[in-house]
């Protein structure tokens, strides 16, 4: 198939629908762009298969250590402990300083 497409001012072009259907190109499909002499080659990139992913994991020496998952649980537990602390009264308002990024939260305390 040979056809002509135009490139818009922002660099976009529309591939003919029949070509997209034949090649299985849908919205969001990644295309490899290769410059070959005076030509430009567009090649669809398919997502990796399970076997390819397994080969990458094996080449890297196996799955990553469990420490990051454990560390995340420790951080989440620490956040919950800080959030569970009672608020300190500050001029009629409840004041709590979060340990996360130094942010502060103010809320009005209801007096009984």
C-alpha atoms as a PDB file:
ATOM      1  CA  UNK A   1       0.000   0.000   0.000  1.00  0.00           C
ATOM      2  CA  UNK A   2       1.290   3.426  -0.915  1.00  0.00           C
ATOM      3  CA  UNK A   3      -0.498   6.592   0.136  1.00  0.00           C
ATOM      4  CA  UNK A   4       0.267  10.193   1.013  1.00  0.00           C
ATOM      5  CA  UNK A   5      -0.313  11.776   4.415  1.00  0.00           C
ATOM      6  CA  UNK A   6       0.339  15.329   5.553  1.00  0.00           C
ATOM      7  CA  UNK A   7       2.110  16.372   8.721  1.00  0.00           C
ATOM      8  CA  UNK A   8       0.262  19.047  10.710  1.00  0.00           C
ATOM      9  CA  UNK A   9       1.885  22.161  12.165  1.00  0.00           C
ATOM     10  CA  UNK A  10       2.451  20.358  15.478  1.00  0.00           C
ATOM     11  CA  UNK A  11       4.009  17.274  13.821  1.00  0.00           C
ATOM     12  CA  UNK A  12       1.001  14.956  13.799  1.00  0.00           C
ATOM     13  CA  UNK A  13      -0.124  12.776  10.932  1.00  0.00           C
ATOM     14  CA  UNK A  14      -3.022  10.391  10.461  1.00  0.00           C
ATOM     15  CA  UNK A  15      -2.308   6.855   9.318  1.00  0.00           C
ATOM     16  CA  UNK A  16      -4.997   5.503   6.971  1.00  0.00           C
ATOM     17  CA  UNK A  17      -7.665   3.480   8.786  1.00  0.00           C
ATOM     18  CA  UNK A  18      -7.247   0.412   6.542  1.00  0.00           C
ATOM     19  CA  UNK A  19      -3.509   0.317   7.331  1.00  0.00           C
ATOM     20  CA  UNK A  20      -4.129   0.698  11.077  1.00  0.00           C
ATOM     21  CA  UNK A  21      -6.645  -2.159  11.033  1.00  0.00           C
ATOM     22  CA  UNK A  22      -4.374  -4.499   9.038  1.00  0.00           C
ATOM     23  CA  UNK A  23      -1.404  -3.821  11.332  1.00  0.00           C
ATOM     24  CA  UNK A  24      -3.422  -3.854  14.575  1.00  0.00           C
ATOM     25  CA  UNK A  25      -2.499  -0.263  15.406  1.00  0.00           C
ATOM     26  CA  UNK A  26      -4.932   1.242  17.904  1.00  0.00           C
ATOM     27  CA  UNK A  27      -5.010   4.474  19.888  1.00  0.00           C
ATOM     28  CA  UNK A  28      -2.079   4.374  22.297  1.00  0.00           C
ATOM     29  CA  UNK A  29      -0.027   1.848  20.297  1.00  0.00           C
ATOM     30  CA  UNK A  30       3.673   2.701  20.563  1.00  0.00           C
ATOM     31  CA  UNK A  31       5.548   3.027  17.268  1.00  0.00           C
ATOM     32  CA  UNK A  32       9.313   2.850  16.842  1.00  0.00           C
ATOM     33  CA  UNK A  33      10.486   5.610  14.479  1.00  0.00           C
ATOM     34  CA  UNK A  34      13.618   4.734  12.515  1.00  0.00           C
ATOM     35  CA  UNK A  35      15.412   7.002  10.090  1.00  0.00           C
ATOM     36  CA  UNK A  36      16.803   4.905   7.216  1.00  0.00           C
ATOM     37  CA  UNK A  37      18.588   7.061   4.654  1.00  0.00           C
ATOM     38  CA  UNK A  38      15.914   9.204   3.001  1.00  0.00           C
ATOM     39  CA  UNK A  39      13.103   7.120   4.513  1.00  0.00           C
ATOM     40  CA  UNK A  40      11.283   7.019   7.835  1.00  0.00           C
ATOM     41  CA  UNK A  41      10.207   3.597   9.069  1.00  0.00           C
ATOM     42  CA  UNK A  42       7.359   3.234  11.600  1.00  0.00           C
ATOM     43  CA  UNK A  43       7.242  -0.119  13.400  1.00  0.00           C
ATOM     44  CA  UNK A  44       4.561  -1.043  15.968  1.00  0.00           C
ATOM     45  CA  UNK A  45       6.031  -2.074  19.319  1.00  0.00           C
ATOM     46  CA  UNK A  46       4.115  -4.911  20.926  1.00  0.00           C
ATOM     47  CA  UNK A  47       4.014  -5.263  24.714  1.00  0.00           C
ATOM     48  CA  UNK A  48       6.498  -7.825  26.063  1.00  0.00           C
ATOM     49  CA  UNK A  49       5.304 -11.398  26.447  1.00  0.00           C
ATOM     50  CA  UNK A  50       5.375 -13.244  29.761  1.00  0.00           C
ATOM     51  CA  UNK A  51       8.399 -15.210  28.517  1.00  0.00           C
ATOM     52  CA  UNK A  52      10.275 -12.009  27.622  1.00  0.00           C
ATOM     53  CA  UNK A  53       9.572 -10.527  31.048  1.00  0.00           C
ATOM     54  CA  UNK A  54      10.737 -13.730  32.742  1.00  0.00           C
ATOM     55  CA  UNK A  55      13.955 -13.656  30.672  1.00  0.00           C
ATOM     56  CA  UNK A  56      14.636 -10.073  31.792  1.00  0.00           C
ATOM     57  CA  UNK A  57      14.070 -11.022  35.442  1.00  0.00           C
ATOM     58  CA  UNK A  58      16.427 -13.993  35.120  1.00  0.00           C
ATOM     59  CA  UNK A  59      19.065 -11.868  33.339  1.00  0.00           C
ATOM     60  CA  UNK A  60      18.881  -9.392  36.229  1.00  0.00           C
ATOM     61  CA  UNK A  61      19.609 -12.157  38.732  1.00  0.00           C
ATOM     62  CA  UNK A  62      16.063 -12.954  39.805  1.00  0.00           C
ATOM     63  CA  UNK A  63      13.281 -10.922  41.353  1.00  0.00           C
ATOM     64  CA  UNK A  64      14.222  -7.948  43.482  1.00  0.00           C
ATOM     65  CA  UNK A  65      14.710  -8.230  47.229  1.00  0.00           C
ATOM     66  CA  UNK A  66      11.731  -8.161  49.545  1.00  0.00           C
ATOM     67  CA  UNK A  67      13.166  -5.208  51.513  1.00  0.00           C
ATOM     68  CA  UNK A  68      11.372  -2.486  49.493  1.00  0.00           C
ATOM     69  CA  UNK A  69       8.002  -4.123  50.186  1.00  0.00           C
ATOM     70  CA  UNK A  70       8.906  -4.510  53.863  1.00  0.00           C
ATOM     71  CA  UNK A  71      10.156  -0.915  54.017  1.00  0.00           C
ATOM     72  CA  UNK A  72       6.893   0.332  52.529  1.00  0.00           C
ATOM     73  CA  UNK A  73       4.936  -1.510  55.229  1.00  0.00           C
ATOM     74  CA  UNK A  74       7.149   0.049  57.916  1.00  0.00           C
ATOM     75  CA  UNK A  75       6.593   3.531  56.482  1.00  0.00           C
ATOM     76  CA  UNK A  76       2.835   2.998  56.273  1.00  0.00           C
ATOM     77  CA  UNK A  77       2.787   1.797  59.903  1.00  0.00           C
ATOM     78  CA  UNK A  78       4.769   4.874  60.993  1.00  0.00           C
ATOM     79  CA  UNK A  79       2.332   7.142  59.163  1.00  0.00           C
ATOM     80  CA  UNK A  80      -0.595   5.481  60.921  1.00  0.00           C
ATOM     81  CA  UNK A  81       1.098   5.935  64.321  1.00  0.00           C
ATOM     82  CA  UNK A  82       1.598   9.657  63.651  1.00  0.00           C
ATOM     83  CA  UNK A  83      -1.979  10.066  62.465  1.00  0.00           C
ATOM     84  CA  UNK A  84      -3.255   8.282  65.576  1.00  0.00           C
ATOM     85  CA  UNK A  85      -1.522  10.724  67.957  1.00  0.00           C
ATOM     86  CA  UNK A  86      -3.883  13.057  69.787  1.00  0.00           C
ATOM     87  CA  UNK A  87      -3.962  16.606  68.502  1.00  0.00           C
ATOM     88  CA  UNK A  88      -2.443  19.381  70.650  1.00  0.00           C
ATOM     89  CA  UNK A  89      -4.684  22.351  71.447  1.00  0.00           C
ATOM     90  CA  UNK A  90      -3.440  25.649  70.024  1.00  0.00           C
ATOM     91  CA  UNK A  91      -5.655  28.696  70.784  1.00  0.00           C
ATOM     92  CA  UNK A  92      -8.933  26.878  70.525  1.00  0.00           C
ATOM     93  CA  UNK A  93      -7.883  24.869  67.498  1.00  0.00           C
ATOM     94  CA  UNK A  94      -6.546  21.401  67.207  1.00  0.00           C
ATOM     95  CA  UNK A  95      -3.068  21.398  65.735  1.00  0.00           C
ATOM     96  CA  UNK A  96      -1.280  18.382  64.386  1.00  0.00           C
ATOM     97  CA  UNK A  97       1.994  18.484  62.522  1.00  0.00           C
ATOM     98  CA  UNK A  98       2.401  15.600  60.160  1.00  0.00           C
ATOM     99  CA  UNK A  99       5.726  13.817  59.881  1.00  0.00           C
ATOM    100  CA  UNK A 100       5.160  13.553  56.154  1.00  0.00           C
ATOM    101  CA  UNK A 101       6.914  16.336  54.239  1.00  0.00           C
ATOM    102  CA  UNK A 102       6.533  18.687  57.200  1.00  0.00           C
ATOM    103  CA  UNK A 103       2.945  19.490  56.284  1.00  0.00           C
ATOM    104  CA  UNK A 104       0.541  20.830  58.887  1.00  0.00           C
ATOM    105  CA  UNK A 105      -3.147  20.212  59.329  1.00  0.00           C
ATOM    106  CA  UNK A 106      -5.457  22.524  61.253  1.00  0.00           C
ATOM    107  CA  UNK A 107      -8.983  21.728  62.266  1.00  0.00           C
ATOM    108  CA  UNK A 108     -11.432  23.409  64.597  1.00  0.00           C
ATOM    109  CA  UNK A 109     -12.141  21.408  67.734  1.00  0.00           C
ATOM    110  CA  UNK A 110     -15.727  21.155  68.872  1.00  0.00           C
ATOM    111  CA  UNK A 111     -16.031  22.181  72.523  1.00  0.00           C
ATOM    112  CA  UNK A 112     -18.434  20.159  74.628  1.00  0.00           C
END
